[in-house]
Amino acid sequence: MRLGEARAPEGLRLYAIGDVHGRDDLLAAVHARIAEDLAARPAEDHRIIHVGDYVDRGPATAAVVERLSSLSRADERVLCLRGNHEEMLLDFLADPIDAGPTFLANRGAATLASYGVSGSPGLFFERDIVALAEAFASRLPASHRAFLQGLPYSARFGDFFFCHAGIRPGVAIENQDRFDLTWIREGFLDSNADFGVVVVHGHTPAAEPEIMPNRINIDTGAVFSGHLTCVALEGNQYRFL
């Protein structure tokens, strides 16, 4: 299945949004653009799919999580997938001693700060990392934690498969490993294989959306570039907002 052949389900428009990383301002603007697009081009039905990495790096993780958790509770057409940064955050809460250094090394301090928790990425003492995790857990609203814990790893609509990072070539879609869905790069990005679907993903920042025969990368490094990408898929066509 190649781009141009792949089709969304009849009557369903799909909007997919790339990595947000704490840029709630950009996320709000993209949702406004989607609303404008739906008003200008009414669709029989639609889905809005976020491909993960809502947290870390940028200044407003808490606002992003509040926006997405509220939207997804209110409207089943809003779908949020899990990224590797959500995985690291949850690992940090579950096992701060083991997962804390990785979480902090990947700009987790920005997430903590957005919830009013200050901590240095250079913490080395286990007691400090545990205390930091406990402070974070006490500030993280139950609704936010439930939202993050409930994020699915992938979604499929017609011939389009959505996930955060990509898939392992040669493995059936239904058998993909969770680690690959949130972390893979090598072996996927350089593959010309026909996956049987067109994969829409983020995880690997690019200056512009990458349009390949077997995948579309919509991570345009919003936290650094100021550009949060949204692709609209309908029938066998695609366009960017």
C-alpha atoms as a PDB file:
ATOM      1  CA  MET A   1       0.000   0.000   0.000  1.00  0.00           C
ATOM      2  CA  ARG A   2       1.487   3.302  -1.118  1.00  0.00           C
ATOM      3  CA  LEU A   3       0.555   6.930  -0.655  1.00  0.00           C
ATOM      4  CA  GLY A   4      -1.890   7.794  -3.428  1.00  0.00           C
ATOM      5  CA  GLU A   5      -3.366   4.293  -3.233  1.00  0.00           C
ATOM      6  CA  ALA A   6      -4.083   4.327   0.502  1.00  0.00           C
ATOM      7  CA  ARG A   7      -7.569   5.509   1.365  1.00  0.00           C
ATOM      8  CA  ALA A   8      -9.263   6.785   4.495  1.00  0.00           C
ATOM      9  CA  PRO A   9     -12.664   5.232   5.269  1.00  0.00           C
ATOM     10  CA  GLU A  10     -15.458   6.596   3.107  1.00  0.00           C
ATOM     11  CA  GLY A  11     -16.921   9.803   4.499  1.00  0.00           C
ATOM     12  CA  LEU A  12     -14.233  10.197   7.177  1.00  0.00           C
ATOM     13  CA  ARG A  13     -11.710  13.038   7.239  1.00  0.00           C
ATOM     14  CA  LEU A  14      -8.624  12.468   9.351  1.00  0.00           C
ATOM     15  CA  TYR A  15      -6.577  15.264  10.888  1.00  0.00           C
ATOM     16  CA  ALA A  16      -3.234  14.226  12.384  1.00  0.00           C
ATOM     17  CA  ILE A  17      -1.142  16.575  14.541  1.00  0.00           C
ATOM     18  CA  GLY A  18       2.585  16.204  15.207  1.00  0.00           C
ATOM     19  CA  ASP A  19       4.711  16.432  18.357  1.00  0.00           C
ATOM     20  CA  VAL A  20       3.586  19.279  20.638  1.00  0.00           C
ATOM     21  CA  HIS A  21       6.190  19.259  23.458  1.00  0.00           C
ATOM     22  CA  GLY A  22       4.579  21.808  25.724  1.00  0.00           C
ATOM     23  CA  ARG A  23       3.632  24.341  23.041  1.00  0.00           C
ATOM     24  CA  ASP A  24       0.017  24.877  24.039  1.00  0.00           C
ATOM     25  CA  ASP A  25      -0.092  28.106  22.034  1.00  0.00           C
ATOM     26  CA  LEU A  26       0.608  26.228  18.821  1.00  0.00           C
ATOM     27  CA  LEU A  27      -1.787  23.426  19.727  1.00  0.00           C
ATOM     28  CA  ALA A  28      -4.610  25.907  20.312  1.00  0.00           C
ATOM     29  CA  ALA A  29      -3.867  27.547  16.958  1.00  0.00           C
ATOM     30  CA  VAL A  30      -3.935  24.205  15.111  1.00  0.00           C
ATOM     31  CA  HIS A  31      -7.251  23.247  16.675  1.00  0.00           C
ATOM     32  CA  ALA A  32      -8.631  26.618  15.604  1.00  0.00           C
ATOM     33  CA  ARG A  33      -7.416  25.965  12.054  1.00  0.00           C
ATOM     34  CA  ILE A  34      -9.125  22.581  12.064  1.00  0.00           C
ATOM     35  CA  ALA A  35     -12.382  24.187  13.161  1.00  0.00           C
ATOM     36  CA  GLU A  36     -12.043  26.733  10.367  1.00  0.00           C
ATOM     37  CA  ASP A  37     -11.302  23.975   7.867  1.00  0.00           C
ATOM     38  CA  LEU A  38     -14.363  21.983   8.930  1.00  0.00           C
ATOM     39  CA  ALA A  39     -16.519  25.101   8.648  1.00  0.00           C
ATOM     40  CA  ALA A  40     -15.176  25.870   5.167  1.00  0.00           C
ATOM     41  CA  ARG A  41     -15.198  22.232   3.994  1.00  0.00           C
ATOM     42  CA  PRO A  42     -17.854  20.328   5.934  1.00  0.00           C
ATOM     43  CA  ALA A  43     -17.129  16.631   6.408  1.00  0.00           C
ATOM     44  CA  GLU A  44     -19.569  13.810   7.009  1.00  0.00           C
ATOM     45  CA  ASP A  45     -17.398  12.692   9.930  1.00  0.00           C
ATOM     46  CA  HIS A  46     -13.888  13.367  11.190  1.00  0.00           C
ATOM     47  CA  ARG A  47     -11.211  12.371  13.675  1.00  0.00           C
ATOM     48  CA  ILE A  48      -8.444  14.491  15.179  1.00  0.00           C
ATOM     49  CA  ILE A  49      -5.426  12.309  15.978  1.00  0.00           C
ATOM     50  CA  HIS A  50      -2.438  13.466  18.010  1.00  0.00           C
ATOM     51  CA  VAL A  51       0.645  11.295  17.548  1.00  0.00           C
ATOM     52  CA  GLY A  52       2.204  11.799  20.991  1.00  0.00           C
ATOM     53  CA  ASP A  53       4.913  13.765  22.790  1.00  0.00           C
ATOM     54  CA  TYR A  54       2.763  16.339  24.517  1.00  0.00           C
ATOM     55  CA  VAL A  55       5.146  16.769  27.456  1.00  0.00           C
ATOM     56  CA  ASP A  56       8.714  17.985  28.138  1.00  0.00           C
ATOM     57  CA  ARG A  57      10.942  20.610  26.493  1.00  0.00           C
ATOM     58  CA  GLY A  58       8.379  23.367  25.969  1.00  0.00           C
ATOM     59  CA  PRO A  59       6.983  25.734  28.600  1.00  0.00           C
ATOM     60  CA  ALA A  60       3.363  24.606  28.970  1.00  0.00           C
ATOM     61  CA  THR A  61       3.068  20.830  29.372  1.00  0.00           C
ATOM     62  CA  ALA A  62       0.383  21.148  32.057  1.00  0.00           C
ATOM     63  CA  ALA A  63      -1.766  23.309  29.763  1.00  0.00           C
ATOM     64  CA  VAL A  64      -1.311  20.889  26.845  1.00  0.00           C
ATOM     65  CA  VAL A  65      -2.324  17.900  28.955  1.00  0.00           C
ATOM     66  CA  GLU A  66      -5.322  19.790  30.349  1.00  0.00           C
ATOM     67  CA  ARG A  67      -6.439  20.776  26.846  1.00  0.00           C
ATOM     68  CA  LEU A  68      -6.080  17.306  25.372  1.00  0.00           C
ATOM     69  CA  SER A  69      -7.510  15.424  28.333  1.00  0.00           C
ATOM     70  CA  SER A  70     -10.539  17.722  28.375  1.00  0.00           C
ATOM     71  CA  LEU A  71     -11.060  17.537  24.611  1.00  0.00           C
ATOM     72  CA  SER A  72     -10.758  13.754  24.464  1.00  0.00           C
ATOM     73  CA  ARG A  73     -13.199  13.320  27.358  1.00  0.00           C
ATOM     74  CA  ALA A  74     -15.722  15.630  25.721  1.00  0.00           C
ATOM     75  CA  ASP A  75     -15.433  14.397  22.141  1.00  0.00           C
ATOM     76  CA  GLU A  76     -14.727  10.802  21.096  1.00  0.00           C
ATOM     77  CA  ARG A  77     -13.534  12.119  17.736  1.00  0.00           C
ATOM     78  CA  VAL A  78     -10.398  13.479  19.460  1.00  0.00           C
ATOM     79  CA  LEU A  79      -7.787  10.739  19.829  1.00  0.00           C
ATOM     80  CA  CYS A  80      -4.445  11.067  21.602  1.00  0.00           C
ATOM     81  CA  LEU A  81      -1.697   8.471  21.151  1.00  0.00           C
ATOM     82  CA  ARG A  82       1.268   7.745  23.393  1.00  0.00           C
ATOM     83  CA  GLY A  83       4.758   9.052  22.648  1.00  0.00           C
ATOM     84  CA  ASN A  84       8.080   8.090  24.143  1.00  0.00           C
ATOM     85  CA  HIS A  85       8.078  11.215  26.320  1.00  0.00           C
ATOM     86  CA  GLU A  86       4.768  10.224  27.923  1.00  0.00           C
ATOM     87  CA  GLU A  87       6.287   6.790  28.470  1.00  0.00           C
ATOM     88  CA  MET A  88       9.339   8.321  30.180  1.00  0.00           C
ATOM     89  CA  LEU A  89       7.140  10.486  32.408  1.00  0.00           C
ATOM     90  CA  LEU A  90       5.077   7.515  33.552  1.00  0.00           C
ATOM     91  CA  ASP A  91       8.219   5.456  34.124  1.00  0.00           C
ATOM     92  CA  PHE A  92       9.600   8.292  36.261  1.00  0.00           C
ATOM     93  CA  LEU A  93       6.493   8.272  38.438  1.00  0.00           C
ATOM     94  CA  ALA A  94       6.543   4.475  38.742  1.00  0.00           C
ATOM     95  CA  ASP A  95      10.284   4.032  39.368  1.00  0.00           C
ATOM     96  CA  PRO A  96      12.049   7.367  39.896  1.00  0.00           C
ATOM     97  CA  ILE A  97      15.431   5.877  40.822  1.00  0.00           C
ATOM     98  CA  ASP A  98      15.703   3.832  37.649  1.00  0.00           C
ATOM     99  CA  ALA A  99      13.843   6.108  35.223  1.00  0.00           C
ATOM    100  CA  GLY A 100      14.568   9.526  36.718  1.00  0.00           C
ATOM    101  CA  PRO A 101      17.928  10.191  35.035  1.00  0.00           C
ATOM    102  CA  THR A 102      16.506   9.425  31.579  1.00  0.00           C
ATOM    103  CA  PHE A 103      13.411  11.541  32.175  1.00  0.00           C
ATOM    104  CA  LEU A 104      15.453  14.507  33.394  1.00  0.00           C
ATOM    105  CA  ALA A 105      18.038  14.147  30.619  1.00  0.00           C
ATOM    106  CA  ASN A 106      15.235  14.490  28.074  1.00  0.00           C
ATOM    107  CA  ARG A 107      14.091  17.880  29.354  1.00  0.00           C
ATOM    108  CA  GLY A 108      11.646  16.515  31.891  1.00  0.00           C
ATOM    109  CA  ALA A 109      12.435  19.477  34.126  1.00  0.00           C
ATOM    110  CA  ALA A 110      10.306  21.628  31.820  1.00  0.00           C
ATOM    111  CA  THR A 111       7.344  19.386  32.555  1.00  0.00           C
ATOM    112  CA  LEU A 112       7.979  19.557  36.288  1.00  0.00           C
ATOM    113  CA  ALA A 113       8.210  23.351  36.154  1.00  0.00           C
ATOM    114  CA  SER A 114       4.869  23.597  34.359  1.00  0.00           C
ATOM    115  CA  TYR A 115       3.296  21.843  37.357  1.00  0.00           C
ATOM    116  CA  GLY A 116       5.099  24.093  39.815  1.00  0.00           C
ATOM    117  CA  VAL A 117       7.856  21.650  40.757  1.00  0.00           C
ATOM    118  CA  SER A 118      11.449  22.842  40.585  1.00  0.00           C
ATOM    119  CA  GLY A 119      14.285  20.395  40.153  1.00  0.00           C
ATOM    120  CA  SER A 120      17.700  20.298  38.590  1.00  0.00           C
ATOM    121  CA  PRO A 121      18.457  17.895  35.730  1.00  0.00           C
ATOM    122  CA  GLY A 122      21.810  17.418  37.468  1.00  0.00           C
ATOM    123  CA  LEU A 123      20.401  15.664  40.539  1.00  0.00           C
ATOM    124  CA  PHE A 124      22.538  12.676  41.449  1.00  0.00           C
ATOM    125  CA  PHE A 125      21.278  11.519  44.832  1.00  0.00           C
ATOM    126  CA  GLU A 126      18.552   8.907  44.847  1.00  0.00           C
ATOM    127  CA  ARG A 127      16.762  10.607  47.716  1.00  0.00           C
ATOM    128  CA  ASP A 128      16.555  13.819  45.669  1.00  0.00           C
ATOM    129  CA  ILE A 129      15.113  12.076  42.633  1.00  0.00           C
ATOM    130  CA  VAL A 130      12.554  10.240  44.766  1.00  0.00           C
ATOM    131  CA  ALA A 131      11.574  13.494  46.473  1.00  0.00           C
ATOM    132  CA  LEU A 132      11.207  15.149  43.083  1.00  0.00           C
ATOM    133  CA  ALA A 133       8.931  12.351  41.842  1.00  0.00           C
ATOM    134  CA  GLU A 134       6.838  12.566  45.004  1.00  0.00           C
ATOM    135  CA  ALA A 135       6.464  16.328  44.625  1.00  0.00           C
ATOM    136  CA  PHE A 136       5.462  15.892  41.006  1.00  0.00           C
ATOM    137  CA  ALA A 137       2.931  13.170  41.839  1.00  0.00           C
ATOM    138  CA  SER A 138       1.352  15.438  44.434  1.00  0.00           C
ATOM    139  CA  ARG A 139       0.950  18.265  41.892  1.00  0.00           C
ATOM    140  CA  LEU A 140      -0.209  16.141  38.946  1.00  0.00           C
ATOM    141  CA  PRO A 141      -4.029  16.206  38.785  1.00  0.00           C
ATOM    142  CA  ALA A 142      -5.656  12.783  38.888  1.00  0.00           C
ATOM    143  CA  SER A 143      -7.344  13.520  35.555  1.00  0.00           C
ATOM    144  CA  HIS A 144      -3.990  14.262  33.936  1.00  0.00           C
ATOM    145  CA  ARG A 145      -2.424  11.076  35.261  1.00  0.00           C
ATOM    146  CA  ALA A 146      -5.398   8.999  34.123  1.00  0.00           C
ATOM    147  CA  PHE A 147      -5.218  10.610  30.683  1.00  0.00           C
ATOM    148  CA  LEU A 148      -1.510   9.812  30.333  1.00  0.00           C
ATOM    149  CA  GLN A 149      -1.911   6.253  31.585  1.00  0.00           C
ATOM    150  CA  GLY A 150      -4.785   5.614  29.199  1.00  0.00           C
ATOM    151  CA  LEU A 151      -3.050   6.729  26.013  1.00  0.00           C
ATOM    152  CA  PRO A 152      -3.121   4.014  23.326  1.00  0.00           C
ATOM    153  CA  TYR A 153      -0.045   3.217  21.267  1.00  0.00           C
ATOM    154  CA  SER A 154      -1.599   3.259  17.810  1.00  0.00           C
ATOM    155  CA  ALA A 155      -4.737   3.649  15.740  1.00  0.00           C
ATOM    156  CA  ARG A 156      -5.759   2.590  12.258  1.00  0.00           C
ATOM    157  CA  PHE A 157      -8.333   4.147   9.971  1.00  0.00           C
ATOM    158  CA  GLY A 158      -8.652   2.507   6.588  1.00  0.00           C
ATOM    159  CA  ASP A 159      -5.228   2.264   4.985  1.00  0.00           C
ATOM    160  CA  PHE A 160      -3.609   4.773   7.357  1.00  0.00           C
ATOM    161  CA  PHE A 161      -1.844   3.660  10.542  1.00  0.00           C
ATOM    162  CA  PHE A 162      -1.028   6.230  13.206  1.00  0.00           C
ATOM    163  CA  CYS A 163       1.630   5.900  15.890  1.00  0.00           C
ATOM    164  CA  HIS A 164       4.299   8.024  17.497  1.00  0.00           C
ATOM    165  CA  ALA A 165       7.586   6.752  16.107  1.00  0.00           C
ATOM    166  CA  GLY A 166       6.961   4.111  13.459  1.00  0.00           C
ATOM    167  CA  ILE A 167       6.778   0.351  12.987  1.00  0.00           C
ATOM    168  CA  ARG A 168       9.174  -2.562  12.634  1.00  0.00           C
ATOM    169  CA  PRO A 169       9.301  -3.643   8.970  1.00  0.00           C
ATOM    170  CA  GLY A 170       8.484  -7.303   8.484  1.00  0.00           C
ATOM    171  CA  VAL A 171       6.248  -7.459  11.570  1.00  0.00           C
ATOM    172  CA  ALA A 172       2.482  -7.560  11.120  1.00  0.00           C
ATOM    173  CA  ILE A 173       0.710  -4.370  12.158  1.00  0.00           C
ATOM    174  CA  GLU A 174      -1.238  -6.176  14.879  1.00  0.00           C
ATOM    175  CA  ASN A 175       2.000  -7.595  16.332  1.00  0.00           C
ATOM    176  CA  GLN A 176       4.010  -4.385  16.574  1.00  0.00           C
ATOM    177  CA  ASP A 177       6.009  -3.951  19.776  1.00  0.00           C
ATOM    178  CA  ARG A 178       5.158  -1.025  22.059  1.00  0.00           C
ATOM    179  CA  PHE A 179       8.803   0.003  22.246  1.00  0.00           C
ATOM    180  CA  ASP A 180       9.047   0.254  18.457  1.00  0.00           C
ATOM    181  CA  LEU A 181       5.780   2.197  18.240  1.00  0.00           C
ATOM    182  CA  THR A 182       7.190   4.858  20.575  1.00  0.00           C
ATOM    183  CA  TRP A 183      10.952   4.777  19.906  1.00  0.00           C
ATOM    184  CA  ILE A 184      11.957   3.273  16.549  1.00  0.00           C
ATOM    185  CA  ARG A 185      14.035   5.179  14.023  1.00  0.00           C
ATOM    186  CA  GLU A 186      16.692   2.961  12.455  1.00  0.00           C
ATOM    187  CA  GLY A 187      15.138   0.265  10.315  1.00  0.00           C
ATOM    188  CA  PHE A 188      11.926   2.210   9.836  1.00  0.00           C
ATOM    189  CA  LEU A 189      12.914   5.623   8.533  1.00  0.00           C
ATOM    190  CA  ASP A 190      15.274   4.114   5.965  1.00  0.00           C
ATOM    191  CA  SER A 191      12.874   1.367   4.844  1.00  0.00           C
ATOM    192  CA  ASN A 192      11.295   1.353   1.398  1.00  0.00           C
ATOM    193  CA  ALA A 193       9.110  -1.626   2.278  1.00  0.00           C
ATOM    194  CA  ASP A 194       5.409  -1.771   1.588  1.00  0.00           C
ATOM    195  CA  PHE A 195       3.971  -1.908   5.107  1.00  0.00           C
ATOM    196  CA  GLY A 196       0.457  -2.701   3.892  1.00  0.00           C
ATOM    197  CA  VAL A 197      -0.548   0.708   5.275  1.00  0.00           C
ATOM    198  CA  VAL A 198       0.794   4.235   5.105  1.00  0.00           C
ATOM    199  CA  VAL A 199       2.242   5.112   8.508  1.00  0.00           C
ATOM    200  CA  VAL A 200       1.591   8.621   9.857  1.00  0.00           C
ATOM    201  CA  HIS A 201       4.074   9.389  12.628  1.00  0.00           C
ATOM    202  CA  GLY A 202       6.172  11.921  14.494  1.00  0.00           C
ATOM    203  CA  HIS A 203       9.180  11.431  16.828  1.00  0.00           C
ATOM    204  CA  THR A 204      11.931  12.458  14.392  1.00  0.00           C
ATOM    205  CA  PRO A 205      12.005  16.236  13.828  1.00  0.00           C
ATOM    206  CA  ALA A 206      12.349  17.505  10.271  1.00  0.00           C
ATOM    207  CA  ALA A 207      12.352  21.005   8.833  1.00  0.00           C
ATOM    208  CA  GLU A 208       9.329  20.128   6.692  1.00  0.00           C
ATOM    209  CA  PRO A 209       6.845  17.247   6.714  1.00  0.00           C
ATOM    210  CA  GLU A 210       8.425  14.161   5.123  1.00  0.00           C
ATOM    211  CA  ILE A 211       6.267  12.612   2.426  1.00  0.00           C
ATOM    212  CA  MET A 212       7.418   9.115   1.488  1.00  0.00           C
ATOM    213  CA  PRO A 213       5.580   6.383  -0.418  1.00  0.00           C
ATOM    214  CA  ASN A 214       5.079   4.368   2.780  1.00  0.00           C
ATOM    215  CA  ARG A 215       4.940   7.032   5.520  1.00  0.00           C
ATOM    216  CA  ILE A 216       4.277  10.669   6.418  1.00  0.00           C
ATOM    217  CA  ASN A 217       6.376  12.282   9.154  1.00  0.00           C
ATOM    218  CA  ILE A 218       4.549  15.224  10.735  1.00  0.00           C
ATOM    219  CA  ASP A 219       7.070  16.119  13.451  1.00  0.00           C
ATOM    220  CA  THR A 220       8.398  19.537  12.455  1.00  0.00           C
ATOM    221  CA  GLY A 221      10.040  20.278  15.803  1.00  0.00           C
ATOM    222  CA  ALA A 222       7.348  22.631  17.102  1.00  0.00           C
ATOM    223  CA  VAL A 223       9.187  23.471  20.310  1.00  0.00           C
ATOM    224  CA  PHE A 224      12.221  24.674  18.343  1.00  0.00           C
ATOM    225  CA  SER A 225      10.747  25.821  15.022  1.00  0.00           C
ATOM    226  CA  GLY A 226       7.408  27.249  16.110  1.00  0.00           C
ATOM    227  CA  HIS A 227       5.725  25.090  13.442  1.00  0.00           C
ATOM    228  CA  LEU A 228       3.210  22.456  14.574  1.00  0.00           C
ATOM    229  CA  THR A 229       2.129  20.414  11.579  1.00  0.00           C
ATOM    230  CA  CYS A 230      -1.324  19.027  10.865  1.00  0.00           C
ATOM    231  CA  VAL A 231      -2.075  16.814   7.871  1.00  0.00           C
ATOM    232  CA  ALA A 232      -5.610  16.236   6.618  1.00  0.00           C
ATOM    233  CA  LEU A 233      -6.348  12.897   4.967  1.00  0.00           C
ATOM    234  CA  GLU A 234      -9.517  12.249   3.008  1.00  0.00           C
ATOM    235  CA  GLY A 235     -10.114   9.518   0.462  1.00  0.00           C
ATOM    236  CA  ASN A 236      -6.696   9.009  -1.129  1.00  0.00           C
ATOM    237  CA  GLN A 237      -5.724  12.674  -0.861  1.00  0.00           C
ATOM    238  CA  TYR A 238      -3.687  14.601   1.685  1.00  0.00           C
ATOM    239  CA  ARG A 239      -3.038  18.259   2.402  1.00  0.00           C
ATOM    240  CA  PHE A 240      -1.505  20.314   5.201  1.00  0.00           C
ATOM    241  CA  LEU A 241      -3.189  23.021   7.238  1.00  0.00           C
END
